[in-house]
Full PDB file with SEQRES, HELIX, SHEET, SSBOND, CRYST1, ORIGX, SCALE, CONECT and MASTER records, all heavy atoms in Angstrom:
SEQRES   1 A   36  THR THR GLN LYS PRO ASP ASN LEU PHE ILE ILE ASN LYS          
SEQRES   2 A   36  HIS SER SER GLY ILE ASN TRP GLN TYR VAL PHE ASP ALA          
SEQRES   3 A   36  LYS TYR LYS ILE LYS SER TYR CYS ASN GLU                      
SHEET    1 AA1 2 ASN A   7  LYS A  13  0                                        
SHEET    2 AA1 2 ILE A  18  PHE A  24 -1                                        
CRYST1    1.000    1.000    1.000  90.00  90.00  90.00 P 1           1          
ORIGX1      1.000000  0.000000  0.000000        0.00000                         
ORIGX2      0.000000  1.000000  0.000000        0.00000                         
ORIGX3      0.000000  0.000000  1.000000        0.00000                         
SCALE1      1.000000  0.000000  0.000000        0.00000                         
SCALE2      0.000000  1.000000  0.000000        0.00000                         
SCALE3      0.000000  0.000000  1.000000        0.00000                         
ATOM      1  N   THR A   1      -0.341  15.252   8.661  1.00  0.00           N  
ATOM      2  CA  THR A   1       0.672  14.578   9.483  1.00  0.00           C  
ATOM      3  C   THR A   1       1.549  13.684   8.617  1.00  0.00           C  
ATOM      4  O   THR A   1       1.139  13.233   7.543  1.00  0.00           O  
ATOM      5  CB  THR A   1       0.008  13.725  10.574  1.00  0.00           C  
ATOM      6  OG1 THR A   1      -0.871  12.758   9.958  1.00  0.00           O  
ATOM      7  CG2 THR A   1      -0.803  14.606  11.522  1.00  0.00           C  
ATOM      8  N   THR A   2       2.764  13.402   9.092  1.00  0.00           N  
ATOM      9  CA  THR A   2       3.703  12.559   8.351  1.00  0.00           C  
ATOM     10  C   THR A   2       3.167  11.135   8.223  1.00  0.00           C  
ATOM     11  O   THR A   2       2.653  10.562   9.180  1.00  0.00           O  
ATOM     12  CB  THR A   2       5.061  12.523   9.066  1.00  0.00           C  
ATOM     13  OG1 THR A   2       5.584  13.851   9.133  1.00  0.00           O  
ATOM     14  CG2 THR A   2       6.041  11.636   8.315  1.00  0.00           C  
ATOM     15  N   GLN A   3       3.287  10.585   7.032  1.00  0.00           N  
ATOM     16  CA  GLN A   3       2.858   9.208   6.777  1.00  0.00           C  
ATOM     17  C   GLN A   3       4.085   8.359   6.451  1.00  0.00           C  
ATOM     18  O   GLN A   3       4.941   8.771   5.679  1.00  0.00           O  
ATOM     19  CB  GLN A   3       1.871   9.170   5.608  1.00  0.00           C  
ATOM     20  CG  GLN A   3       0.649  10.065   5.776  1.00  0.00           C  
ATOM     21  CD  GLN A   3      -0.202   9.683   6.960  1.00  0.00           C  
ATOM     22  OE1 GLN A   3      -0.430   8.505   7.222  1.00  0.00           O  
ATOM     23  NE2 GLN A   3      -0.683  10.678   7.701  1.00  0.00           N  
ATOM     24  N   LYS A   4       4.156   7.147   7.055  1.00  0.00           N  
ATOM     25  CA  LYS A   4       5.308   6.265   6.828  1.00  0.00           C  
ATOM     26  C   LYS A   4       4.839   4.825   6.650  1.00  0.00           C  
ATOM     27  O   LYS A   4       4.960   4.004   7.552  1.00  0.00           O  
ATOM     28  CB  LYS A   4       6.297   6.372   7.995  1.00  0.00           C  
ATOM     29  CG  LYS A   4       6.999   7.714   8.102  1.00  0.00           C  
ATOM     30  CD  LYS A   4       7.978   7.740   9.259  1.00  0.00           C  
ATOM     31  CE  LYS A   4       9.151   6.838   8.996  1.00  0.00           C  
ATOM     32  NZ  LYS A   4      10.166   6.883  10.067  1.00  0.00           N  
ATOM     33  N   PRO A   5       4.288   4.500   5.490  1.00  0.00           N  
ATOM     34  CA  PRO A   5       3.904   3.109   5.247  1.00  0.00           C  
ATOM     35  C   PRO A   5       5.131   2.208   5.202  1.00  0.00           C  
ATOM     36  O   PRO A   5       6.237   2.667   4.896  1.00  0.00           O  
ATOM     37  CB  PRO A   5       3.215   3.176   3.883  1.00  0.00           C  
ATOM     38  CG  PRO A   5       3.794   4.392   3.223  1.00  0.00           C  
ATOM     39  CD  PRO A   5       4.060   5.364   4.331  1.00  0.00           C  
ATOM     40  N   ASP A   6       4.935   0.938   5.501  1.00  0.00           N  
ATOM     41  CA  ASP A   6       6.069   0.003   5.478  1.00  0.00           C  
ATOM     42  C   ASP A   6       6.699  -0.075   4.094  1.00  0.00           C  
ATOM     43  O   ASP A   6       7.906   0.091   3.931  1.00  0.00           O  
ATOM     44  CB  ASP A   6       5.601  -1.396   5.902  1.00  0.00           C  
ATOM     45  CG  ASP A   6       5.224  -1.462   7.363  1.00  0.00           C  
ATOM     46  OD1 ASP A   6       5.690  -0.606   8.134  1.00  0.00           O  
ATOM     47  OD2 ASP A   6       4.449  -2.364   7.734  1.00  0.00           O  
ATOM     48  N   ASN A   7       5.872  -0.351   3.092  1.00  0.00           N  
ATOM     49  CA  ASN A   7       6.377  -0.529   1.734  1.00  0.00           C  
ATOM     50  C   ASN A   7       5.549   0.300   0.768  1.00  0.00           C  
ATOM     51  O   ASN A   7       4.320   0.170   0.716  1.00  0.00           O  
ATOM     52  CB  ASN A   7       6.294  -2.006   1.312  1.00  0.00           C  
ATOM     53  CG  ASN A   7       7.025  -2.914   2.278  1.00  0.00           C  
ATOM     54  OD1 ASN A   7       8.244  -2.864   2.390  1.00  0.00           O  
ATOM     55  ND2 ASN A   7       6.273  -3.749   2.995  1.00  0.00           N  
ATOM     56  N   LEU A   8       6.220   1.142  -0.005  1.00  0.00           N  
ATOM     57  CA  LEU A   8       5.547   1.912  -1.050  1.00  0.00           C  
ATOM     58  C   LEU A   8       6.071   1.420  -2.391  1.00  0.00           C  
ATOM     59  O   LEU A   8       7.273   1.506  -2.681  1.00  0.00           O  
ATOM     60  CB  LEU A   8       5.807   3.404  -0.887  1.00  0.00           C  
ATOM     61  CG  LEU A   8       4.918   4.319  -1.742  1.00  0.00           C  
ATOM     62  CD1 LEU A   8       3.457   4.182  -1.321  1.00  0.00           C  
ATOM     63  CD2 LEU A   8       5.354   5.769  -1.628  1.00  0.00           C  
ATOM     64  N   PHE A   9       5.166   0.879  -3.193  1.00  0.00           N  
ATOM     65  CA  PHE A   9       5.495   0.328  -4.507  1.00  0.00           C  
ATOM     66  C   PHE A   9       5.107   1.366  -5.552  1.00  0.00           C  
ATOM     67  O   PHE A   9       3.936   1.710  -5.693  1.00  0.00           O  
ATOM     68  CB  PHE A   9       4.722  -0.978  -4.719  1.00  0.00           C  
ATOM     69  CG  PHE A   9       5.191  -1.796  -5.881  1.00  0.00           C  
ATOM     70  CD1 PHE A   9       6.199  -2.726  -5.721  1.00  0.00           C  
ATOM     71  CD2 PHE A   9       4.611  -1.646  -7.125  1.00  0.00           C  
ATOM     72  CE1 PHE A   9       6.633  -3.494  -6.793  1.00  0.00           C  
ATOM     73  CE2 PHE A   9       5.027  -2.403  -8.198  1.00  0.00           C  
ATOM     74  CZ  PHE A   9       6.039  -3.339  -8.033  1.00  0.00           C  
ATOM     75  N   ILE A  10       6.100   1.894  -6.262  1.00  0.00           N  
ATOM     76  CA  ILE A  10       5.882   3.005  -7.187  1.00  0.00           C  
ATOM     77  C   ILE A  10       6.180   2.548  -8.616  1.00  0.00           C  
ATOM     78  O   ILE A  10       7.229   1.960  -8.886  1.00  0.00           O  
ATOM     79  CB  ILE A  10       6.795   4.198  -6.842  1.00  0.00           C  
ATOM     80  CG1 ILE A  10       6.576   4.628  -5.385  1.00  0.00           C  
ATOM     81  CG2 ILE A  10       6.547   5.365  -7.787  1.00  0.00           C  
ATOM     82  CD1 ILE A  10       7.629   5.588  -4.872  1.00  0.00           C  
ATOM     83  N   ILE A  11       5.253   2.834  -9.510  1.00  0.00           N  
ATOM     84  CA  ILE A  11       5.451   2.518 -10.924  1.00  0.00           C  
ATOM     85  C   ILE A  11       5.386   3.814 -11.717  1.00  0.00           C  
ATOM     86  O   ILE A  11       4.367   4.511 -11.701  1.00  0.00           O  
ATOM     87  CB  ILE A  11       4.380   1.543 -11.449  1.00  0.00           C  
ATOM     88  CG1 ILE A  11       4.298   0.300 -10.561  1.00  0.00           C  
ATOM     89  CG2 ILE A  11       4.686   1.149 -12.893  1.00  0.00           C  
ATOM     90  CD1 ILE A  11       3.136  -0.614 -10.921  1.00  0.00           C  
ATOM     91  N   ASN A  12       6.473   4.149 -12.392  1.00  0.00           N  
ATOM     92  CA  ASN A  12       6.481   5.304 -13.271  1.00  0.00           C  
ATOM     93  C   ASN A  12       6.417   4.812 -14.703  1.00  0.00           C  
ATOM     94  O   ASN A  12       7.389   4.304 -15.245  1.00  0.00           O  
ATOM     95  CB  ASN A  12       7.733   6.164 -13.064  1.00  0.00           C  
ATOM     96  CG  ASN A  12       7.705   7.439 -13.897  1.00  0.00           C  
ATOM     97  OD1 ASN A  12       7.822   7.389 -15.109  1.00  0.00           O  
ATOM     98  ND2 ASN A  12       7.551   8.565 -13.232  1.00  0.00           N  
ATOM     99  N   LYS A  13       5.233   4.921 -15.277  1.00  0.00           N  
ATOM    100  CA  LYS A  13       5.043   4.489 -16.662  1.00  0.00           C  
ATOM    101  C   LYS A  13       5.483   5.636 -17.576  1.00  0.00           C  
ATOM    102  O   LYS A  13       4.907   6.724 -17.535  1.00  0.00           O  
ATOM    103  CB  LYS A  13       3.589   4.102 -16.900  1.00  0.00           C  
ATOM    104  CG  LYS A  13       3.138   2.920 -16.032  1.00  0.00           C  
ATOM    105  CD  LYS A  13       1.689   2.550 -16.305  1.00  0.00           C  
ATOM    106  CE  LYS A  13       1.232   1.427 -15.370  1.00  0.00           C  
ATOM    107  NZ  LYS A  13       1.907   0.156 -15.613  1.00  0.00           N  
ATOM    108  N   HIS A  14       6.511   5.380 -18.376  1.00  0.00           N  
ATOM    109  CA  HIS A  14       7.141   6.465 -19.134  1.00  0.00           C  
ATOM    110  C   HIS A  14       6.176   7.136 -20.101  1.00  0.00           C  
ATOM    111  O   HIS A  14       6.345   8.290 -20.461  1.00  0.00           O  
ATOM    112  CB  HIS A  14       8.375   5.942 -19.880  1.00  0.00           C  
ATOM    113  CG  HIS A  14       8.052   5.057 -21.045  1.00  0.00           C  
ATOM    114  ND1 HIS A  14       7.704   3.741 -20.902  1.00  0.00           N  
ATOM    115  CD2 HIS A  14       8.007   5.314 -22.372  1.00  0.00           C  
ATOM    116  CE1 HIS A  14       7.472   3.205 -22.093  1.00  0.00           C  
ATOM    117  NE2 HIS A  14       7.650   4.133 -23.002  1.00  0.00           N  
ATOM    118  N   SER A  15       5.119   6.434 -20.504  1.00  0.00           N  
ATOM    119  CA  SER A  15       4.159   7.017 -21.439  1.00  0.00           C  
ATOM    120  C   SER A  15       3.240   8.036 -20.768  1.00  0.00           C  
ATOM    121  O   SER A  15       2.583   8.823 -21.447  1.00  0.00           O  
ATOM    122  CB  SER A  15       3.306   5.913 -22.077  1.00  0.00           C  
ATOM    123  OG  SER A  15       2.626   5.170 -21.080  1.00  0.00           O  
ATOM    124  N   SER A  16       3.199   8.033 -19.421  1.00  0.00           N  
ATOM    125  CA  SER A  16       2.341   8.990 -18.723  1.00  0.00           C  
ATOM    126  C   SER A  16       3.139   9.971 -17.874  1.00  0.00           C  
ATOM    127  O   SER A  16       2.680  11.081 -17.596  1.00  0.00           O  
ATOM    128  CB  SER A  16       1.351   8.245 -17.808  1.00  0.00           C  
ATOM    129  OG  SER A  16       2.028   7.632 -16.716  1.00  0.00           O  
ATOM    130  N   GLY A  17       4.338   9.567 -17.435  1.00  0.00           N  
ATOM    131  CA  GLY A  17       5.150  10.440 -16.597  1.00  0.00           C  
ATOM    132  C   GLY A  17       4.604  10.621 -15.200  1.00  0.00           C  
ATOM    133  O   GLY A  17       4.959  11.565 -14.497  1.00  0.00           O  
ATOM    134  N   ILE A  18       3.748   9.721 -14.766  1.00  0.00           N  
ATOM    135  CA  ILE A  18       3.125   9.809 -13.445  1.00  0.00           C  
ATOM    136  C   ILE A  18       3.639   8.682 -12.560  1.00  0.00           C  
ATOM    137  O   ILE A  18       3.796   7.552 -13.008  1.00  0.00           O  
ATOM    138  CB  ILE A  18       1.589   9.720 -13.556  1.00  0.00           C  
ATOM    139  CG1 ILE A  18       1.035  10.868 -14.396  1.00  0.00           C  
ATOM    140  CG2 ILE A  18       0.937   9.730 -12.172  1.00  0.00           C  
ATOM    141  CD1 ILE A  18      -0.441  10.756 -14.706  1.00  0.00           C  
ATOM    142  N   ASN A  19       3.895   8.987 -11.284  1.00  0.00           N  
ATOM    143  CA  ASN A  19       4.250   7.964 -10.307  1.00  0.00           C  
ATOM    144  C   ASN A  19       2.979   7.370  -9.714  1.00  0.00           C  
ATOM    145  O   ASN A  19       2.323   8.000  -8.883  1.00  0.00           O  
ATOM    146  CB  ASN A  19       5.123   8.554  -9.195  1.00  0.00           C  
ATOM    147  CG  ASN A  19       6.544   8.776  -9.638  1.00  0.00           C  
ATOM    148  OD1 ASN A  19       7.054   8.103 -10.529  1.00  0.00           O  
ATOM    149  ND2 ASN A  19       7.213   9.734  -9.029  1.00  0.00           N  
ATOM    150  N   TRP A  20       2.630   6.173 -10.142  1.00  0.00           N  
ATOM    151  CA  TRP A  20       1.469   5.478  -9.594  1.00  0.00           C  
ATOM    152  C   TRP A  20       1.936   4.707  -8.357  1.00  0.00           C  
ATOM    153  O   TRP A  20       2.850   3.891  -8.446  1.00  0.00           O  
ATOM    154  CB  TRP A  20       0.883   4.545 -10.634  1.00  0.00           C  
ATOM    155  CG  TRP A  20       0.629   5.197 -11.955  1.00  0.00           C  
ATOM    156  CD1 TRP A  20       1.495   5.253 -13.018  1.00  0.00           C  
ATOM    157  CD2 TRP A  20      -0.537   5.914 -12.367  1.00  0.00           C  
ATOM    158  NE1 TRP A  20       0.926   5.939 -14.062  1.00  0.00           N  
ATOM    159  CE2 TRP A  20      -0.319   6.353 -13.695  1.00  0.00           C  
ATOM    160  CE3 TRP A  20      -1.757   6.205 -11.747  1.00  0.00           C  
ATOM    161  CZ2 TRP A  20      -1.267   7.072 -14.413  1.00  0.00           C  
ATOM    162  CZ3 TRP A  20      -2.705   6.928 -12.464  1.00  0.00           C  
ATOM    163  CH2 TRP A  20      -2.454   7.347 -13.771  1.00  0.00           C  
ATOM    164  N   GLN A  21       1.310   4.936  -7.207  1.00  0.00           N  
ATOM    165  CA  GLN A  21       1.809   4.397  -5.949  1.00  0.00           C  
ATOM    166  C   GLN A  21       0.828   3.402  -5.320  1.00  0.00           C  
ATOM    167  O   GLN A  21      -0.395   3.593  -5.369  1.00  0.00           O  
ATOM    168  CB  GLN A  21       2.081   5.537  -4.968  1.00  0.00           C  
ATOM    169  CG  GLN A  21       3.099   6.546  -5.482  1.00  0.00           C  
ATOM    170  CD  GLN A  21       3.321   7.685  -4.506  1.00  0.00           C  
ATOM    171  OE1 GLN A  21       2.479   7.972  -3.667  1.00  0.00           O  
ATOM    172  NE2 GLN A  21       4.453   8.351  -4.624  1.00  0.00           N  
ATOM    173  N   TYR A  22       1.411   2.376  -4.692  1.00  0.00           N  
ATOM    174  CA  TYR A  22       0.633   1.360  -3.986  1.00  0.00           C  
ATOM    175  C   TYR A  22       1.305   1.098  -2.637  1.00  0.00           C  
ATOM    176  O   TYR A  22       2.518   0.914  -2.577  1.00  0.00           O  
ATOM    177  CB  TYR A  22       0.571   0.053  -4.782  1.00  0.00           C  
ATOM    178  CG  TYR A  22      -0.036   0.192  -6.164  1.00  0.00           C  
ATOM    179  CD1 TYR A  22       0.731   0.659  -7.232  1.00  0.00           C  
ATOM    180  CD2 TYR A  22      -1.367  -0.129  -6.407  1.00  0.00           C  
ATOM    181  CE1 TYR A  22       0.183   0.796  -8.498  1.00  0.00           C  
ATOM    182  CE2 TYR A  22      -1.926   0.000  -7.669  1.00  0.00           C  
ATOM    183  CZ  TYR A  22      -1.143   0.462  -8.720  1.00  0.00           C  
ATOM    184  OH  TYR A  22      -1.683   0.598  -9.959  1.00  0.00           O  
ATOM    185  N   VAL A  23       0.501   1.063  -1.588  1.00  0.00           N  
ATOM    186  CA  VAL A  23       1.017   0.766  -0.249  1.00  0.00           C  
ATOM    187  C   VAL A  23       0.830  -0.719   0.047  1.00  0.00           C  
ATOM    188  O   VAL A  23      -0.248  -1.280  -0.186  1.00  0.00           O  
ATOM    189  CB  VAL A  23       0.281   1.606   0.821  1.00  0.00           C  
ATOM    190  CG1 VAL A  23       0.668   1.138   2.231  1.00  0.00           C  
ATOM    191  CG2 VAL A  23       0.590   3.086   0.650  1.00  0.00           C  
ATOM    192  N   PHE A  24       1.900  -1.357   0.570  1.00  0.00           N  
ATOM    193  CA  PHE A  24       1.829  -2.724   1.070  1.00  0.00           C  
ATOM    194  C   PHE A  24       2.354  -2.702   2.503  1.00  0.00           C  
ATOM    195  O   PHE A  24       3.565  -2.627   2.716  1.00  0.00           O  
ATOM    196  CB  PHE A  24       2.657  -3.675   0.204  1.00  0.00           C  
ATOM    197  CG  PHE A  24       2.107  -3.867  -1.183  1.00  0.00           C  
ATOM    198  CD1 PHE A  24       2.499  -3.046  -2.230  1.00  0.00           C  
ATOM    199  CD2 PHE A  24       1.186  -4.869  -1.441  1.00  0.00           C  
ATOM    200  CE1 PHE A  24       1.997  -3.212  -3.507  1.00  0.00           C  
ATOM    201  CE2 PHE A  24       0.673  -5.053  -2.726  1.00  0.00           C  
ATOM    202  CZ  PHE A  24       1.080  -4.223  -3.757  1.00  0.00           C  
ATOM    203  N   ASP A  25       1.469  -2.758   3.469  1.00  0.00           N  
ATOM    204  CA  ASP A  25       1.839  -2.608   4.872  1.00  0.00           C  
ATOM    205  C   ASP A  25       1.853  -3.970   5.561  1.00  0.00           C  
ATOM    206  O   ASP A  25       0.857  -4.714   5.504  1.00  0.00           O  
ATOM    207  CB  ASP A  25       0.847  -1.679   5.581  1.00  0.00           C  
ATOM    208  CG  ASP A  25       1.548  -0.617   6.412  1.00  0.00           C  
ATOM    209  OD1 ASP A  25       2.576  -0.106   5.950  1.00  0.00           O  
ATOM    210  OD2 ASP A  25       1.065  -0.298   7.508  1.00  0.00           O  
ATOM    211  N   ALA A  26       2.968  -4.303   6.194  1.00  0.00           N  
ATOM    212  CA  ALA A  26       3.114  -5.591   6.870  1.00  0.00           C  
ATOM    213  C   ALA A  26       2.515  -5.533   8.274  1.00  0.00           C  
ATOM    214  O   ALA A  26       2.924  -4.712   9.091  1.00  0.00           O  
ATOM    215  CB  ALA A  26       4.592  -5.978   6.946  1.00  0.00           C  
ATOM    216  N   LYS A  27       1.537  -6.408   8.539  1.00  0.00           N  
ATOM    217  CA  LYS A  27       0.907  -6.484   9.856  1.00  0.00           C  
ATOM    218  C   LYS A  27       0.861  -7.941  10.295  1.00  0.00           C  
ATOM    219  O   LYS A  27       0.235  -8.771   9.631  1.00  0.00           O  
ATOM    220  CB  LYS A  27      -0.511  -5.895   9.831  1.00  0.00           C  
ATOM    221  CG  LYS A  27      -0.567  -4.431   9.373  1.00  0.00           C  
ATOM    222  CD  LYS A  27       0.158  -3.515  10.351  1.00  0.00           C  
ATOM    223  CE  LYS A  27       0.032  -2.058   9.914  1.00  0.00           C  
ATOM    224  NZ  LYS A  27       0.833  -1.152  10.781  1.00  0.00           N  
ATOM    225  N   TYR A  28       1.507  -8.234  11.422  1.00  0.00           N  
ATOM    226  CA  TYR A  28       1.631  -9.633  11.823  1.00  0.00           C  
ATOM    227  C   TYR A  28       0.394 -10.155  12.554  1.00  0.00           C  
ATOM    228  O   TYR A  28       0.190 -11.356  12.664  1.00  0.00           O  
ATOM    229  CB  TYR A  28       2.876  -9.812  12.702  1.00  0.00           C  
ATOM    230  CG  TYR A  28       3.307 -11.255  12.811  1.00  0.00           C  
ATOM    231  CD1 TYR A  28       3.847 -11.912  11.705  1.00  0.00           C  
ATOM    232  CD2 TYR A  28       3.156 -11.970  13.996  1.00  0.00           C  
ATOM    233  CE1 TYR A  28       4.225 -13.239  11.778  1.00  0.00           C  
ATOM    234  CE2 TYR A  28       3.539 -13.290  14.078  1.00  0.00           C  
ATOM    235  CZ  TYR A  28       4.072 -13.923  12.968  1.00  0.00           C  
ATOM    236  OH  TYR A  28       4.430 -15.236  13.045  1.00  0.00           O  
ATOM    237  N   LYS A  29      -0.469  -9.262  13.061  1.00  0.00           N  
ATOM    238  CA  LYS A  29      -1.647  -9.709  13.795  1.00  0.00           C  
ATOM    239  C   LYS A  29      -2.758 -10.162  12.848  1.00  0.00           C  
ATOM    240  O   LYS A  29      -2.944  -9.588  11.786  1.00  0.00           O  
ATOM    241  CB  LYS A  29      -2.177  -8.575  14.687  1.00  0.00           C  
ATOM    242  CG  LYS A  29      -1.247  -8.176  15.815  1.00  0.00           C  
ATOM    243  CD  LYS A  29      -1.857  -7.055  16.650  1.00  0.00           C  
ATOM    244  CE  LYS A  29      -0.928  -6.651  17.788  1.00  0.00           C  
ATOM    245  NZ  LYS A  29      -1.507  -5.538  18.600  1.00  0.00           N  
ATOM    246  N   ILE A  30      -3.488 -11.214  13.268  1.00  0.00           N  
ATOM    247  CA  ILE A  30      -4.638 -11.674  12.506  1.00  0.00           C  
ATOM    248  C   ILE A  30      -5.847 -11.767  13.427  1.00  0.00           C  
ATOM    249  O   ILE A  30      -5.713 -11.856  14.647  1.00  0.00           O  
ATOM    250  CB  ILE A  30      -4.384 -13.036  11.827  1.00  0.00           C  
ATOM    251  CG1 ILE A  30      -4.099 -14.122  12.865  1.00  0.00           C  
ATOM    252  CG2 ILE A  30      -3.240 -12.950  10.837  1.00  0.00           C  
ATOM    253  CD1 ILE A  30      -3.964 -15.505  12.256  1.00  0.00           C  
ATOM    254  N   LYS A  31      -7.021 -11.730  12.818  1.00  0.00           N  
ATOM    255  CA  LYS A  31      -8.259 -11.741  13.588  1.00  0.00           C  
ATOM    256  C   LYS A  31      -9.307 -12.586  12.869  1.00  0.00           C  
ATOM    257  O   LYS A  31      -9.355 -12.608  11.639  1.00  0.00           O  
ATOM    258  CB  LYS A  31      -8.775 -10.305  13.763  1.00  0.00           C  
ATOM    259  CG  LYS A  31     -10.055 -10.190  14.553  1.00  0.00           C  
ATOM    260  CD  LYS A  31     -10.496  -8.731  14.679  1.00  0.00           C  
ATOM    261  CE  LYS A  31     -11.798  -8.619  15.455  1.00  0.00           C  
ATOM    262  NZ  LYS A  31     -12.247  -7.203  15.601  1.00  0.00           N  
ATOM    263  N   SER A  32     -10.132 -13.267  13.650  1.00  0.00           N  
ATOM    264  CA  SER A  32     -11.236 -14.041  13.080  1.00  0.00           C  
ATOM    265  C   SER A  32     -12.486 -13.173  13.041  1.00  0.00           C  
ATOM    266  O   SER A  32     -12.811 -12.479  14.017  1.00  0.00           O  
ATOM    267  CB  SER A  32     -11.502 -15.291  13.923  1.00  0.00           C  
ATOM    268  OG  SER A  32     -10.399 -16.167  13.871  1.00  0.00           O  
ATOM    269  N   TYR A  33     -13.185 -13.218  11.915  1.00  0.00           N  
ATOM    270  CA  TYR A  33     -14.404 -12.448  11.743  1.00  0.00           C  
ATOM    271  C   TYR A  33     -15.569 -13.396  11.472  1.00  0.00           C  
ATOM    272  O   TYR A  33     -15.389 -14.470  10.890  1.00  0.00           O  
ATOM    273  CB  TYR A  33     -14.285 -11.481  10.567  1.00  0.00           C  
ATOM    274  CG  TYR A  33     -13.253 -10.402  10.743  1.00  0.00           C  
ATOM    275  CD1 TYR A  33     -11.916 -10.621  10.406  1.00  0.00           C  
ATOM    276  CD2 TYR A  33     -13.599  -9.160  11.248  1.00  0.00           C  
ATOM    277  CE1 TYR A  33     -10.963  -9.635  10.560  1.00  0.00           C  
ATOM    278  CE2 TYR A  33     -12.650  -8.148  11.410  1.00  0.00           C  
ATOM    279  CZ  TYR A  33     -11.337  -8.408  11.062  1.00  0.00           C  
ATOM    280  OH  TYR A  33     -10.397  -7.420  11.224  1.00  0.00           O  
ATOM    281  N   CYS A  34     -16.750 -12.967  11.855  1.00  0.00           N  
ATOM    282  CA  CYS A  34     -17.959 -13.740  11.576  1.00  0.00           C  
ATOM    283  C   CYS A  34     -19.089 -12.763  11.309  1.00  0.00           C  
ATOM    284  O   CYS A  34     -19.401 -11.915  12.161  1.00  0.00           O  
ATOM    285  CB  CYS A  34     -18.298 -14.658  12.747  1.00  0.00           C  
ATOM    286  SG  CYS A  34     -19.691 -15.764  12.409  1.00  0.00           S  
ATOM    287  N   ASN A  35     -19.672 -12.841  10.116  1.00  0.00           N  
ATOM    288  CA  ASN A  35     -20.823 -12.001   9.804  1.00  0.00           C  
ATOM    289  C   ASN A  35     -21.984 -12.885   9.370  1.00  0.00           C  
ATOM    290  O   ASN A  35     -21.917 -14.122   9.461  1.00  0.00           O  
ATOM    291  CB  ASN A  35     -20.470 -10.959   8.740  1.00  0.00           C  
ATOM    292  CG  ASN A  35     -19.925 -11.578   7.472  1.00  0.00           C  
ATOM    293  OD1 ASN A  35     -20.319 -12.687   7.099  1.00  0.00           O  
ATOM    294  ND2 ASN A  35     -19.035 -10.878   6.788  1.00  0.00           N  
ATOM    295  N   GLU A  36     -23.041 -12.272   8.873  1.00  0.00           N  
ATOM    296  CA  GLU A  36     -24.236 -13.043   8.543  1.00  0.00           C  
ATOM    297  C   GLU A  36     -24.026 -13.961   7.349  1.00  0.00           C  
ATOM    298  O   GLU A  36     -24.787 -14.917   7.151  1.00  0.00           O  
ATOM    299  CB  GLU A  36     -25.394 -12.090   8.250  1.00  0.00           C  
ATOM    300  CG  GLU A  36     -25.111 -11.092   7.141  1.00  0.00           C  
ATOM    301  CD  GLU A  36     -26.233 -10.095   6.958  1.00  0.00           C  
ATOM    302  OE1 GLU A  36     -27.053  -9.941   7.888  1.00  0.00           O  
ATOM    303  OE2 GLU A  36     -26.284  -9.461   5.882  1.00  0.00           O  
TER     304      GLU A  36                                                      
MASTER        0    0    0    0    2    0    0    6  303    1    0    3          
END                                                                             
């Protein structure tokens, strides 16, 4: 299925010729968690 992340940060390092990709997705909701 089509993927549409908010922000895709791409680094093309010329020594490798590869597009290294990182997703940064903006989400305004927050939640409180409690574990052991």
